[in-house]
């Protein structure tokens, strides 16, 4: 089951539920999953679990010591296990970490994001403006979710070329990309080091929690990418957990024209001379460094 399958199943589940008040109350999801939720003080790093009774009823237990937004995410994550029929693999890995996490857990995170920030609601409420720290924080508060979850959702559903990168202990763990970036074959390699020259690298090197926005070269982030084009990077570093996030975006006119194969991989130029057309190669509209 790939990410697209998970999103499709999540949206089908959401479509059967009245989500008009879901930003305040997750009960419609819980009822649809034939479950009930109870809160208990669990151990540090343990967000929750589900027990299925002989009668088929599911009991979702969430850690009452965690934040309300974290508890909401846990409820939706556990519902994902129920709906997708995926076994839990809650090993000694923090829930915010992508390192060594089981594919089932990552799939359930994807499902949970679809439940917390329903596709149609998100599109109707997100402002049609460039991203900013304030915009992402506003959307996170509106949907009672975390800043990284809201930023990832923004990137995935953005009309502009946009990506959200999660990093841990100096290495890239996951990158969510907008449709236009996926179609252009833009790729950020998992497990690669945070690129030197990025805002993320600068903030992490400072050793303290901070956030900043600046303009950097596109090819700093994307593999085998055209040089001379810029993008904006909004980055946050959390020193306590040594995690870093970056939201990357630029105008559609600054998206290189590339050819990709049926697997979404960029087709490289063979280096031959371009065919003569009789027209002068005037500069395009893309902003160059």
Protein backbone atom coordinates (compact mmCIF):
# COMPACT_ATOMS: atom_id res chain seq x y z
CA UNK A 1 0.00 0.00 0.00
CA UNK A 2 1.66 3.21 -1.17
CA UNK A 3 1.02 6.79 -0.06
CA UNK A 4 -1.55 7.43 -2.80
CA UNK A 5 -3.54 4.35 -1.75
CA UNK A 6 -3.52 5.50 1.88
CA UNK A 7 -4.74 8.98 0.96
CA UNK A 8 -7.50 7.55 -1.22
CA UNK A 9 -8.72 5.26 1.56
CA UNK A 10 -8.59 8.12 4.08
CA UNK A 11 -10.61 10.43 1.85
CA UNK A 12 -13.17 7.68 1.24
CA UNK A 13 -13.50 7.26 5.02
CA UNK A 14 -13.86 11.04 5.53
CA UNK A 15 -16.51 11.23 2.78
CA UNK A 16 -18.82 8.97 4.83
CA UNK A 17 -18.63 11.18 7.92
CA UNK A 18 -20.11 14.56 8.85
CA UNK A 19 -16.93 16.60 9.28
CA UNK A 20 -18.57 20.00 9.79
CA UNK A 21 -17.41 20.10 13.42
CA UNK A 22 -14.39 17.82 13.16
CA UNK A 23 -11.91 20.58 14.02
CA UNK A 24 -13.42 20.66 17.50
CA UNK A 25 -14.64 17.10 18.01
CA UNK A 26 -13.33 13.83 16.56
CA UNK A 27 -16.34 11.81 17.75
CA UNK A 28 -17.77 11.23 14.22
CA UNK A 29 -14.52 9.50 13.22
CA UNK A 30 -14.45 7.43 16.41
CA UNK A 31 -18.04 6.26 15.92
CA UNK A 32 -17.43 5.43 12.24
CA UNK A 33 -14.48 3.24 13.28
CA UNK A 34 -16.62 1.40 15.88
CA UNK A 35 -14.38 2.66 18.66
CA UNK A 36 -14.35 4.63 21.86
CA UNK A 37 -11.58 6.77 23.37
CA UNK A 38 -10.29 6.84 26.90
CA UNK A 39 -7.44 8.87 28.38
CA UNK A 40 -4.79 7.55 30.74
CA UNK A 41 -1.36 8.57 32.00
CA UNK A 42 1.04 6.54 29.88
CA UNK A 43 4.81 6.31 29.92
CA UNK A 44 7.06 8.96 28.39
CA UNK A 45 7.11 8.66 24.59
CA UNK A 46 4.01 6.42 24.54
CA UNK A 47 1.23 8.27 22.76
CA UNK A 48 -1.43 5.58 22.67
CA UNK A 49 -2.62 2.15 21.65
CA UNK A 50 -5.76 0.24 20.64
CA UNK A 51 -7.35 -2.91 22.09
CA UNK A 52 -10.09 -4.76 20.21
CA UNK A 53 -12.69 -6.52 22.35
CA UNK A 54 -14.25 -9.90 21.44
CA UNK A 55 -17.41 -8.09 20.30
CA UNK A 56 -15.39 -6.14 17.71
CA UNK A 57 -15.44 -2.81 19.60
CA UNK A 58 -12.10 -0.95 19.60
CA UNK A 59 -10.85 0.92 22.66
CA UNK A 60 -8.33 3.66 21.84
CA UNK A 61 -6.24 4.80 24.80
CA UNK A 62 -4.35 8.09 24.50
CA UNK A 63 -1.74 9.62 26.78
CA UNK A 64 -3.46 12.31 28.85
CA UNK A 65 -0.07 13.85 29.67
CA UNK A 66 0.52 14.89 26.06
CA UNK A 67 -0.80 18.06 24.44
CA UNK A 68 -4.35 18.22 23.10
CA UNK A 69 -3.11 18.45 19.51
CA UNK A 70 -0.92 15.38 20.06
CA UNK A 71 -3.84 13.45 21.55
CA UNK A 72 -6.00 14.34 18.53
CA UNK A 73 -3.31 13.06 16.18
CA UNK A 74 -2.99 9.84 18.19
CA UNK A 75 -6.75 9.18 17.98
CA UNK A 76 -6.65 9.59 14.19
CA UNK A 77 -3.48 7.49 13.93
CA UNK A 78 -5.11 4.65 15.86
CA UNK A 79 -8.26 4.92 13.73
CA UNK A 80 -5.97 4.47 10.73
CA UNK A 81 -4.72 1.16 12.15
CA UNK A 82 -8.34 0.04 12.50
CA UNK A 83 -9.56 1.15 9.07
CA UNK A 84 -6.45 0.03 7.16
CA UNK A 85 -6.17 -3.19 9.20
CA UNK A 86 -2.47 -2.54 9.76
CA UNK A 87 -0.73 -4.00 12.79
CA UNK A 88 0.97 -1.59 15.16
CA UNK A 89 4.74 -1.49 15.41
CA UNK A 90 5.31 0.95 18.26
CA UNK A 91 8.92 0.17 19.05
CA UNK A 92 11.37 2.35 20.95
CA UNK A 93 11.24 5.09 18.30
CA UNK A 94 9.62 8.49 19.05
CA UNK A 95 6.39 9.09 17.14
CA UNK A 96 7.83 12.29 15.62
CA UNK A 97 10.81 10.42 14.19
CA UNK A 98 10.97 8.91 10.69
CA UNK A 99 14.21 7.10 11.49
CA UNK A 100 13.75 3.32 11.41
CA UNK A 101 9.96 3.67 11.73
CA UNK A 102 7.87 0.81 10.41
CA UNK A 103 6.02 1.51 7.11
CA UNK A 104 2.72 0.76 8.86
CA UNK A 105 3.29 3.64 11.27
CA UNK A 106 4.20 6.08 8.49
CA UNK A 107 1.11 5.03 6.52
CA UNK A 108 -1.08 5.64 9.58
CA UNK A 109 0.47 9.08 10.04
CA UNK A 110 -0.50 9.92 6.45
CA UNK A 111 -4.04 8.67 7.08
CA UNK A 112 -4.25 10.69 10.31
CA UNK A 113 -3.25 13.91 8.54
CA UNK A 114 -6.10 13.40 6.06
CA UNK A 115 -8.53 13.04 8.95
CA UNK A 116 -7.26 16.00 10.95
CA UNK A 117 -7.13 18.33 7.95
CA UNK A 118 -9.86 17.13 5.55
CA UNK A 119 -9.01 17.80 1.93
CA UNK A 120 -12.05 19.92 1.00
CA UNK A 121 -12.06 21.87 4.27
CA UNK A 122 -8.37 22.66 3.94
CA UNK A 123 -8.70 23.94 0.37
CA UNK A 124 -11.66 26.14 1.30
CA UNK A 125 -9.92 27.71 4.31
CA UNK A 126 -6.25 28.06 3.35
CA UNK A 127 -5.47 31.65 2.24
CA UNK A 128 -4.42 32.13 -1.38
CA UNK A 129 -1.12 33.76 -0.48
CA UNK A 130 2.55 32.91 -0.20
CA UNK A 131 3.51 30.81 2.81
CA UNK A 132 4.77 32.46 5.96
CA UNK A 133 5.41 31.49 9.56
CA UNK A 134 2.20 33.28 10.54
CA UNK A 135 0.10 31.56 7.87
CA UNK A 136 1.23 28.06 8.83
CA UNK A 137 0.74 28.80 12.53
CA UNK A 138 -2.75 30.10 11.78
CA UNK A 139 -3.67 26.95 9.85
CA UNK A 140 -2.22 24.74 12.59
CA UNK A 141 -4.35 26.52 15.19
CA UNK A 142 -7.44 26.37 12.97
CA UNK A 143 -7.19 22.57 12.60
CA UNK A 144 -5.82 21.94 16.12
CA UNK A 145 -2.70 20.27 14.81
CA UNK A 146 1.06 20.78 14.97
CA UNK A 147 3.10 23.25 12.94
CA UNK A 148 4.94 20.46 11.03
CA UNK A 149 1.65 18.72 10.19
CA UNK A 150 0.12 21.95 8.87
CA UNK A 151 3.25 22.83 6.89
CA UNK A 152 3.35 19.37 5.31
CA UNK A 153 -0.32 19.65 4.39
CA UNK A 154 0.27 23.07 2.86
CA UNK A 155 3.10 21.73 0.70
CA UNK A 156 1.20 18.64 -0.45
CA UNK A 157 -1.87 20.60 -1.58
CA UNK A 158 -0.24 23.81 -2.79
CA UNK A 159 -0.84 25.13 -6.31
CA UNK A 160 2.72 26.46 -6.43
CA UNK A 161 5.94 24.38 -6.49
CA UNK A 162 6.31 23.61 -2.80
CA UNK A 163 7.95 21.02 -0.53
CA UNK A 164 8.09 20.34 3.19
CA UNK A 165 11.21 18.60 4.49
CA UNK A 166 11.54 16.86 7.86
CA UNK A 167 15.08 16.40 9.18
CA UNK A 168 16.45 14.65 12.24
CA UNK A 169 19.96 14.69 13.71
CA UNK A 170 21.29 16.46 10.62
CA UNK A 171 19.78 14.13 7.99
CA UNK A 172 16.72 14.35 5.74
CA UNK A 173 14.01 11.89 6.78
CA UNK A 174 10.99 12.78 4.64
CA UNK A 175 9.90 15.31 2.00
CA UNK A 176 6.30 16.06 1.03
CA UNK A 177 6.04 17.64 -2.43
CA UNK A 178 3.30 19.50 -4.29
CA UNK A 179 1.90 18.00 -7.47
CA UNK A 180 3.88 20.39 -9.68
CA UNK A 181 7.16 19.39 -8.04
CA UNK A 182 6.38 15.69 -8.32
CA UNK A 183 5.53 16.11 -12.00
CA UNK A 184 8.81 17.96 -12.56
CA UNK A 185 10.74 15.10 -10.97
CA UNK A 186 12.02 17.26 -8.10
CA UNK A 187 13.70 14.91 -5.62
CA UNK A 188 15.22 15.34 -2.17
CA UNK A 189 17.09 12.20 -1.17
CA UNK A 190 16.08 10.63 2.17
CA UNK A 191 18.97 10.09 4.60
CA UNK A 192 21.04 12.76 2.85
CA UNK A 193 22.75 15.39 4.99
CA UNK A 194 21.06 18.76 5.48
CA UNK A 195 22.52 20.72 2.54
CA UNK A 196 25.18 23.30 3.28
CA UNK A 197 23.93 26.73 2.27
CA UNK A 198 20.36 26.05 3.35
CA UNK A 199 18.56 27.96 6.08
CA UNK A 200 18.05 24.63 7.88
CA UNK A 201 21.81 24.00 7.99
CA UNK A 202 22.48 27.49 9.34
CA UNK A 203 19.85 27.21 12.09
CA UNK A 204 20.98 23.75 13.19
CA UNK A 205 24.61 24.89 13.26
CA UNK A 206 23.63 27.63 15.73
CA UNK A 207 22.73 24.95 18.30
CA UNK A 208 19.59 26.72 19.53
CA UNK A 209 15.89 26.60 18.68
CA UNK A 210 15.07 29.23 16.08
CA UNK A 211 13.10 30.01 12.91
CA UNK A 212 14.03 32.05 9.86
CA UNK A 213 13.12 32.65 6.22
CA UNK A 214 15.57 33.42 3.42
CA UNK A 215 16.16 32.97 -0.30
CA UNK A 216 18.52 30.17 -1.43
CA UNK A 217 19.42 28.41 -4.67
CA UNK A 218 17.00 25.68 -5.80
CA UNK A 219 19.80 23.25 -6.62
CA UNK A 220 20.94 23.32 -2.97
CA UNK A 221 17.89 21.20 -2.17
CA UNK A 222 16.88 19.30 -5.33
CA UNK A 223 19.00 16.53 -6.80
CA UNK A 224 20.33 17.00 -10.39
CA UNK A 225 18.53 20.33 -10.65
CA UNK A 226 19.09 23.29 -12.95
CA UNK A 227 21.45 25.90 -11.50
CA UNK A 228 20.78 29.63 -11.26
CA UNK A 229 17.22 29.55 -9.90
CA UNK A 230 16.10 30.67 -6.44
CA UNK A 231 13.52 29.51 -3.91
CA UNK A 232 12.29 30.66 -0.51
CA UNK A 233 13.01 28.54 2.55
CA UNK A 234 11.14 28.86 5.85
CA UNK A 235 12.97 26.73 8.38
CA UNK A 236 12.51 25.87 12.08
CA UNK A 237 15.00 24.05 14.28
CA UNK A 238 14.04 22.35 17.56
CA UNK A 239 17.23 21.98 19.56
CA UNK A 240 15.67 19.78 22.25
CA UNK A 241 14.95 16.94 19.82
CA UNK A 242 17.51 17.92 17.16
CA UNK A 243 14.78 18.03 14.53
CA UNK A 244 14.56 20.60 11.75
CA UNK A 245 11.82 21.39 9.25
CA UNK A 246 11.90 23.45 6.06
CA UNK A 247 9.09 24.68 3.85
CA UNK A 248 10.40 25.38 0.33
CA UNK A 249 8.51 27.24 -2.39
CA UNK A 250 8.87 29.39 -5.49
CA UNK A 251 6.78 30.78 -8.37
CA UNK A 252 5.55 28.53 -11.15
CA UNK A 253 7.52 30.65 -13.63
CA UNK A 254 10.71 29.61 -11.82
CA UNK A 255 10.02 25.90 -12.31
CA UNK A 256 12.52 24.50 -14.86
CA UNK A 257 11.06 22.88 -17.95
CA UNK A 258 12.10 19.25 -17.66
CA UNK A 259 11.16 15.90 -19.13
CA UNK A 260 10.33 12.99 -16.84
CA UNK A 261 9.76 9.34 -17.66
CA UNK A 262 6.72 7.26 -16.66
CA UNK A 263 8.28 6.66 -13.23
CA UNK A 264 8.52 10.41 -12.52
CA UNK A 265 12.32 10.42 -12.90
CA UNK A 266 13.96 13.33 -14.70
CA UNK A 267 15.28 12.50 -18.17
CA UNK A 268 18.82 13.83 -18.40
CA UNK A 269 20.06 15.76 -21.44
CA UNK A 270 22.55 13.69 -23.45
CA UNK A 271 24.71 16.76 -23.98
CA UNK A 272 24.15 16.95 -27.74
CA UNK A 273 23.69 20.22 -29.60
CA UNK A 274 20.19 21.61 -29.66
CA UNK A 275 18.38 21.58 -32.98
CA UNK A 276 18.62 24.90 -34.85
CA UNK A 277 15.26 26.65 -35.08
CA UNK A 278 16.19 30.02 -36.54
CA UNK A 279 15.04 31.76 -33.36
CA UNK A 280 17.32 33.55 -30.92
CA UNK A 281 17.33 32.00 -27.41
CA UNK A 282 16.04 35.04 -25.50
CA UNK A 283 16.13 34.68 -21.71
CA UNK A 284 12.99 33.23 -20.16
CA UNK A 285 11.05 34.71 -17.29
CA UNK A 286 12.80 32.63 -14.64
CA UNK A 287 14.68 34.72 -12.14
CA UNK A 288 18.40 33.90 -12.20
CA UNK A 289 20.99 34.37 -9.54
